[in-house]
C-alpha atoms as a PDB file:
ATOM      1  CA  UNK A   1    -106.398 -75.791 -71.769  1.00  0.00           C
ATOM      2  CA  UNK A   2    -104.580 -77.579 -74.589  1.00  0.00           C
ATOM      3  CA  UNK A   3    -101.028 -78.762 -74.555  1.00  0.00           C
ATOM      4  CA  UNK A   4     -98.358 -77.388 -76.897  1.00  0.00           C
ATOM      5  CA  UNK A   5     -98.811 -80.077 -79.563  1.00  0.00           C
ATOM      6  CA  UNK A   6    -102.560 -79.712 -79.714  1.00  0.00           C
ATOM      7  CA  UNK A   7    -102.226 -75.936 -79.939  1.00  0.00           C
ATOM      8  CA  UNK A   8     -99.882 -76.311 -82.898  1.00  0.00           C
ATOM      9  CA  UNK A   9    -102.417 -78.476 -84.728  1.00  0.00           C
ATOM     10  CA  UNK A  10    -100.578 -81.752 -84.131  1.00  0.00           C
ATOM     11  CA  UNK A  11    -101.443 -84.796 -82.118  1.00  0.00           C
ATOM     12  CA  UNK A  12    -100.930 -84.760 -78.357  1.00  0.00           C
ATOM     13  CA  UNK A  13     -97.396 -85.843 -77.503  1.00  0.00           C
ATOM     14  CA  UNK A  14     -98.656 -88.605 -75.206  1.00  0.00           C
ATOM     15  CA  UNK A  15     -99.650 -90.579 -78.323  1.00  0.00           C
ATOM     16  CA  UNK A  16     -96.026 -90.922 -79.386  1.00  0.00           C
ATOM     17  CA  UNK A  17     -95.252 -94.009 -77.253  1.00  0.00           C
ATOM     18  CA  UNK A  18     -98.362 -95.798 -78.563  1.00  0.00           C
ATOM     19  CA  UNK A  19     -97.470 -94.805 -82.130  1.00  0.00           C
ATOM     20  CA  UNK A  20     -94.018 -96.305 -81.670  1.00  0.00           C
ATOM     21  CA  UNK A  21     -95.539 -99.469 -80.183  1.00  0.00           C
ATOM     22  CA  UNK A  22     -97.912 -99.705 -83.158  1.00  0.00           C
ATOM     23  CA  UNK A  23     -95.054 -99.177 -85.572  1.00  0.00           C
ATOM     24  CA  UNK A  24     -93.033-101.925 -83.903  1.00  0.00           C
ATOM     25  CA  UNK A  25     -96.099-104.161 -84.209  1.00  0.00           C
ATOM     26  CA  UNK A  26     -95.977-103.722 -87.976  1.00  0.00           C
ATOM     27  CA  UNK A  27     -98.622-101.026 -88.454  1.00  0.00           C
ATOM     28  CA  UNK A  28     -97.188 -98.703 -91.126  1.00  0.00           C
ATOM     29  CA  UNK A  29     -99.826 -96.000 -90.571  1.00  0.00           C
ATOM     30  CA  UNK A  30     -98.232 -95.290 -87.168  1.00  0.00           C
ATOM     31  CA  UNK A  31     -94.886 -94.765 -88.878  1.00  0.00           C
ATOM     32  CA  UNK A  32     -96.467 -92.333 -91.331  1.00  0.00           C
ATOM     33  CA  UNK A  33     -97.952 -90.315 -88.470  1.00  0.00           C
ATOM     34  CA  UNK A  34     -94.591 -90.194 -86.668  1.00  0.00           C
ATOM     35  CA  UNK A  35     -92.964 -89.168 -89.932  1.00  0.00           C
ATOM     36  CA  UNK A  36     -95.414 -86.282 -90.356  1.00  0.00           C
ATOM     37  CA  UNK A  37     -94.979 -85.212 -86.728  1.00  0.00           C
ATOM     38  CA  UNK A  38     -91.171 -85.148 -86.602  1.00  0.00           C
ATOM     39  CA  UNK A  39     -89.237 -85.804 -89.828  1.00  0.00           C
ATOM     40  CA  UNK A  40     -89.278 -82.389 -91.549  1.00  0.00           C
ATOM     41  CA  UNK A  41     -88.585 -80.520 -88.306  1.00  0.00           C
ATOM     42  CA  UNK A  42     -85.714 -82.832 -87.406  1.00  0.00           C
ATOM     43  CA  UNK A  43     -84.163 -82.608 -90.886  1.00  0.00           C
ATOM     44  CA  UNK A  44     -84.301 -78.807 -90.674  1.00  0.00           C
ATOM     45  CA  UNK A  45     -82.800 -78.943 -87.176  1.00  0.00           C
ATOM     46  CA  UNK A  46     -79.956 -81.227 -88.298  1.00  0.00           C
ATOM     47  CA  UNK A  47     -79.357 -79.156 -91.429  1.00  0.00           C
ATOM     48  CA  UNK A  48     -78.586 -76.156 -89.225  1.00  0.00           C
ATOM     49  CA  UNK A  49     -75.754 -78.161 -87.691  1.00  0.00           C
ATOM     50  CA  UNK A  50     -74.282 -79.983 -90.662  1.00  0.00           C
ATOM     51  CA  UNK A  51     -75.144 -77.620 -93.537  1.00  0.00           C
ATOM     52  CA  UNK A  52     -75.879 -80.448 -95.992  1.00  0.00           C
ATOM     53  CA  UNK A  53     -79.434 -81.634 -96.673  1.00  0.00           C
ATOM     54  CA  UNK A  54     -78.441 -85.179 -97.590  1.00  0.00           C
ATOM     55  CA  UNK A  55     -76.373 -85.578 -94.422  1.00  0.00           C
ATOM     56  CA  UNK A  56     -79.250 -84.153 -92.341  1.00  0.00           C
ATOM     57  CA  UNK A  57     -81.649 -86.676 -93.880  1.00  0.00           C
ATOM     58  CA  UNK A  58     -79.232 -89.533 -93.172  1.00  0.00           C
ATOM     59  CA  UNK A  59     -78.908 -88.431 -89.550  1.00  0.00           C
ATOM     60  CA  UNK A  60     -82.672 -88.318 -89.079  1.00  0.00           C
ATOM     61  CA  UNK A  61     -83.014 -91.758 -90.658  1.00  0.00           C
ATOM     62  CA  UNK A  62     -80.368 -93.103 -88.254  1.00  0.00           C
ATOM     63  CA  UNK A  63     -82.167 -91.480 -85.327  1.00  0.00           C
ATOM     64  CA  UNK A  64     -85.499 -93.064 -86.257  1.00  0.00           C
ATOM     65  CA  UNK A  65     -83.787 -96.463 -86.454  1.00  0.00           C
ATOM     66  CA  UNK A  66     -82.277 -95.863 -83.004  1.00  0.00           C
ATOM     67  CA  UNK A  67     -85.689 -94.865 -81.613  1.00  0.00           C
ATOM     68  CA  UNK A  68     -87.234 -98.076 -82.926  1.00  0.00           C
ATOM     69  CA  UNK A  69     -84.405-100.183 -81.506  1.00  0.00           C
ATOM     70  CA  UNK A  70     -84.672 -98.610 -78.058  1.00  0.00           C
ATOM     71  CA  UNK A  71     -86.776-100.745 -75.723  1.00  0.00           C
ATOM     72  CA  UNK A  72     -88.390 -97.840 -73.906  1.00  0.00           C
ATOM     73  CA  UNK A  73     -89.711 -94.440 -74.889  1.00  0.00           C
ATOM     74  CA  UNK A  74     -89.061 -91.601 -72.424  1.00  0.00           C
ATOM     75  CA  UNK A  75     -91.910 -89.458 -71.114  1.00  0.00           C
ATOM     76  CA  UNK A  76     -90.607 -86.387 -72.931  1.00  0.00           C
ATOM     77  CA  UNK A  77     -90.125 -87.923 -76.352  1.00  0.00           C
ATOM     78  CA  UNK A  78     -89.713 -84.569 -78.131  1.00  0.00           C
ATOM     79  CA  UNK A  79     -86.743 -83.467 -76.031  1.00  0.00           C
ATOM     80  CA  UNK A  80     -85.271 -86.971 -76.201  1.00  0.00           C
ATOM     81  CA  UNK A  81     -85.380 -87.198 -80.001  1.00  0.00           C
ATOM     82  CA  UNK A  82     -83.917 -83.693 -80.396  1.00  0.00           C
ATOM     83  CA  UNK A  83     -81.134 -84.645 -78.004  1.00  0.00           C
ATOM     84  CA  UNK A  84     -80.355 -87.767 -80.026  1.00  0.00           C
ATOM     85  CA  UNK A  85     -80.332 -85.690 -83.234  1.00  0.00           C
ATOM     86  CA  UNK A  86     -78.062 -83.065 -81.701  1.00  0.00           C
ATOM     87  CA  UNK A  87     -75.614 -85.670 -80.442  1.00  0.00           C
ATOM     88  CA  UNK A  88     -75.605 -87.449 -83.795  1.00  0.00           C
ATOM     89  CA  UNK A  89     -74.981 -84.135 -85.607  1.00  0.00           C
ATOM     90  CA  UNK A  90     -72.080 -83.361 -83.292  1.00  0.00           C
ATOM     91  CA  UNK A  91     -70.660 -86.849 -83.919  1.00  0.00           C
ATOM     92  CA  UNK A  92     -70.910 -86.348 -87.683  1.00  0.00           C
ATOM     93  CA  UNK A  93     -69.228 -82.952 -87.429  1.00  0.00           C
ATOM     94  CA  UNK A  94     -66.410 -84.390 -85.321  1.00  0.00           C
ATOM     95  CA  UNK A  95     -65.789 -87.461 -87.454  1.00  0.00           C
ATOM     96  CA  UNK A  96     -66.083 -85.819 -90.846  1.00  0.00           C
ATOM     97  CA  UNK A  97     -64.382 -82.561 -89.888  1.00  0.00           C
ATOM     98  CA  UNK A  98     -67.337 -80.711 -91.413  1.00  0.00           C
ATOM     99  CA  UNK A  99     -67.722 -77.140 -90.389  1.00  0.00           C
ATOM    100  CA  UNK A 100     -70.767 -74.905 -90.440  1.00  0.00           C
ATOM    101  CA  UNK A 101     -70.783 -72.832 -93.589  1.00  0.00           C
ATOM    102  CA  UNK A 102     -71.777 -69.196 -93.718  1.00  0.00           C
ATOM    103  CA  UNK A 103     -74.868 -69.915 -95.776  1.00  0.00           C
ATOM    104  CA  UNK A 104     -78.215 -69.371 -94.151  1.00  0.00           C
ATOM    105  CA  UNK A 105     -81.186 -71.636 -94.637  1.00  0.00           C
ATOM    106  CA  UNK A 106     -82.953 -71.401 -97.973  1.00  0.00           C
ATOM    107  CA  UNK A 107     -84.977 -68.220 -98.191  1.00  0.00           C
ATOM    108  CA  UNK A 108     -88.167 -70.185 -98.918  1.00  0.00           C
ATOM    109  CA  UNK A 109     -88.063 -71.757 -95.459  1.00  0.00           C
ATOM    110  CA  UNK A 110     -87.602 -68.383 -93.805  1.00  0.00           C
ATOM    111  CA  UNK A 111     -90.055 -66.118 -95.581  1.00  0.00           C
ATOM    112  CA  UNK A 112     -93.680 -66.065 -94.602  1.00  0.00           C
ATOM    113  CA  UNK A 113     -96.166 -67.183 -97.227  1.00  0.00           C
ATOM    114  CA  UNK A 114     -98.401 -64.157 -96.830  1.00  0.00           C
ATOM    115  CA  UNK A 115     -95.699 -61.701 -97.929  1.00  0.00           C
ATOM    116  CA  UNK A 116     -96.330 -60.273-101.341  1.00  0.00           C
ATOM    117  CA  UNK A 117     -94.304 -58.363-103.855  1.00  0.00           C
ATOM    118  CA  UNK A 118     -90.774 -58.848-105.034  1.00  0.00           C
ATOM    119  CA  UNK A 119     -89.306 -55.882-103.118  1.00  0.00           C
ATOM    120  CA  UNK A 120     -91.019 -56.904 -99.879  1.00  0.00           C
ATOM    121  CA  UNK A 121     -89.598 -60.416-100.185  1.00  0.00           C
ATOM    122  CA  UNK A 122     -86.172 -59.060-101.070  1.00  0.00           C
ATOM    123  CA  UNK A 123     -86.029 -56.681 -98.095  1.00  0.00           C
ATOM    124  CA  UNK A 124     -87.359 -59.296 -95.677  1.00  0.00           C
ATOM    125  CA  UNK A 125     -84.899 -61.866 -97.049  1.00  0.00           C
ATOM    126  CA  UNK A 126     -82.001 -59.446 -96.518  1.00  0.00           C
ATOM    127  CA  UNK A 127     -83.143 -58.785 -92.951  1.00  0.00           C
ATOM    128  CA  UNK A 128     -83.434 -62.484 -92.205  1.00  0.00           C
ATOM    129  CA  UNK A 129     -80.011 -63.172 -93.744  1.00  0.00           C
ATOM    130  CA  UNK A 130     -78.518 -60.404 -91.606  1.00  0.00           C
ATOM    131  CA  UNK A 131     -80.218 -61.751 -88.471  1.00  0.00           C
ATOM    132  CA  UNK A 132     -79.036 -65.293 -89.310  1.00  0.00           C
ATOM    133  CA  UNK A 133     -75.456 -63.989 -89.682  1.00  0.00           C
ATOM    134  CA  UNK A 134     -75.673 -62.293 -86.263  1.00  0.00           C
ATOM    135  CA  UNK A 135     -76.966 -65.510 -84.694  1.00  0.00           C
ATOM    136  CA  UNK A 136     -74.249 -67.545 -86.457  1.00  0.00           C
ATOM    137  CA  UNK A 137     -71.613 -65.240 -84.950  1.00  0.00           C
ATOM    138  CA  UNK A 138     -72.864 -65.830 -81.388  1.00  0.00           C
ATOM    139  CA  UNK A 139     -71.153 -68.184 -78.978  1.00  0.00           C
ATOM    140  CA  UNK A 140     -72.242 -71.767 -79.692  1.00  0.00           C
ATOM    141  CA  UNK A 141     -74.140 -72.193 -76.414  1.00  0.00           C
ATOM    142  CA  UNK A 142     -76.297 -69.095 -77.010  1.00  0.00           C
ATOM    143  CA  UNK A 143     -76.856 -69.968 -80.670  1.00  0.00           C
ATOM    144  CA  UNK A 144     -77.961 -73.498 -79.762  1.00  0.00           C
ATOM    145  CA  UNK A 145     -80.357 -72.291 -77.072  1.00  0.00           C
ATOM    146  CA  UNK A 146     -81.918 -69.725 -79.414  1.00  0.00           C
ATOM    147  CA  UNK A 147     -82.187 -72.265 -82.237  1.00  0.00           C
ATOM    148  CA  UNK A 148     -83.923 -74.802 -80.010  1.00  0.00           C
ATOM    149  CA  UNK A 149     -86.288 -72.233 -78.488  1.00  0.00           C
ATOM    150  CA  UNK A 150     -87.247 -70.143 -81.493  1.00  0.00           C
ATOM    151  CA  UNK A 151     -86.388 -72.439 -84.380  1.00  0.00           C
ATOM    152  CA  UNK A 152     -87.727 -75.670 -82.900  1.00  0.00           C
ATOM    153  CA  UNK A 153     -90.236 -74.275 -80.352  1.00  0.00           C
ATOM    154  CA  UNK A 154     -88.889 -76.347 -77.469  1.00  0.00           C
ATOM    155  CA  UNK A 155     -89.652 -75.243 -73.928  1.00  0.00           C
ATOM    156  CA  UNK A 156     -86.849 -74.202 -71.577  1.00  0.00           C
ATOM    157  CA  UNK A 157     -87.230 -77.511 -69.739  1.00  0.00           C
ATOM    158  CA  UNK A 158     -86.914 -79.444 -73.013  1.00  0.00           C
ATOM    159  CA  UNK A 159     -83.871 -77.389 -74.031  1.00  0.00           C
ATOM    160  CA  UNK A 160     -82.280 -78.121 -70.651  1.00  0.00           C
ATOM    161  CA  UNK A 161     -82.831 -81.826 -71.262  1.00  0.00           C
ATOM    162  CA  UNK A 162     -81.392 -81.662 -74.800  1.00  0.00           C
ATOM    163  CA  UNK A 163     -78.293 -79.718 -73.722  1.00  0.00           C
ATOM    164  CA  UNK A 164     -77.811 -81.528 -70.371  1.00  0.00           C
ATOM    165  CA  UNK A 165     -77.840 -78.298 -68.374  1.00  0.00           C
ATOM    166  CA  UNK A 166     -80.155 -76.775 -65.786  1.00  0.00           C
ATOM    167  CA  UNK A 167     -83.195 -74.775 -66.793  1.00  0.00           C
ATOM    168  CA  UNK A 168     -81.610 -71.725 -65.135  1.00  0.00           C
ATOM    169  CA  UNK A 169     -78.609 -71.982 -67.450  1.00  0.00           C
ATOM    170  CA  UNK A 170     -80.936 -72.225 -70.454  1.00  0.00           C
ATOM    171  CA  UNK A 171     -82.793 -69.142 -69.267  1.00  0.00           C
ATOM    172  CA  UNK A 172     -79.480 -67.300 -68.951  1.00  0.00           C
ATOM    173  CA  UNK A 173     -78.276 -68.373 -72.419  1.00  0.00           C
ATOM    174  CA  UNK A 174     -81.558 -67.254 -73.969  1.00  0.00           C
ATOM    175  CA  UNK A 175     -81.480 -63.941 -72.138  1.00  0.00           C
ATOM    176  CA  UNK A 176     -77.883 -63.162 -73.118  1.00  0.00           C
ATOM    177  CA  UNK A 177     -78.438 -64.252 -76.719  1.00  0.00           C
ATOM    178  CA  UNK A 178     -81.544 -62.101 -77.086  1.00  0.00           C
ATOM    179  CA  UNK A 179     -79.858 -59.189 -75.329  1.00  0.00           C
ATOM    180  CA  UNK A 180     -76.947 -59.442 -77.753  1.00  0.00           C
ATOM    181  CA  UNK A 181     -79.408 -59.176 -80.650  1.00  0.00           C
ATOM    182  CA  UNK A 182     -81.435 -56.366 -79.041  1.00  0.00           C
ATOM    183  CA  UNK A 183     -78.370 -54.232 -78.499  1.00  0.00           C
ATOM    184  CA  UNK A 184     -76.518 -54.960 -81.746  1.00  0.00           C
ATOM    185  CA  UNK A 185     -75.827 -51.644 -83.455  1.00  0.00           C
ATOM    186  CA  UNK A 186     -77.079 -52.832 -86.827  1.00  0.00           C
ATOM    187  CA  UNK A 187     -80.503 -53.682 -85.373  1.00  0.00           C
ATOM    188  CA  UNK A 188     -81.049 -50.454 -83.442  1.00  0.00           C
ATOM    189  CA  UNK A 189     -83.222 -47.903 -85.229  1.00  0.00           C
ATOM    190  CA  UNK A 190     -81.765 -44.429 -85.378  1.00  0.00           C
END
């Protein structure tokens, strides 16, 4: 049986502490591997909070600096780094009085590559925009749980660690968020 990272084609997560140690020791190849493993996902994650790509990139850069300055690396590095990113995003939103805009993520990041044809892409893009709007209108706690689970592929245990709540509360937030989507009148086929 393979772990989640191996199944997704990445390196096993237990290499992360040794990669960080190697990076601290001045081996740039370790930094490149960490960058490939986390940077794009974290920028996308932060973008969903702050709505500005340059701010999201700055946050991720700050987080990587913080990771390198920290003397220890927790066992669940993935949940830990997402938690740091989330907290940093919330700090930026509080201090800059930025608010989430109503824009969804760029269509290119949402559409699947194998889709063909202009009309197919247009219809799928409209559906995804509509779904994104429904998710954006959810209570913050449900939206966050859904984003972490389905947007970032974190486990319920990792989400609980990121949000500082019990796994049971995460399960409840996910259930209620999905139920809200399942029963929304605009998503029910006639």
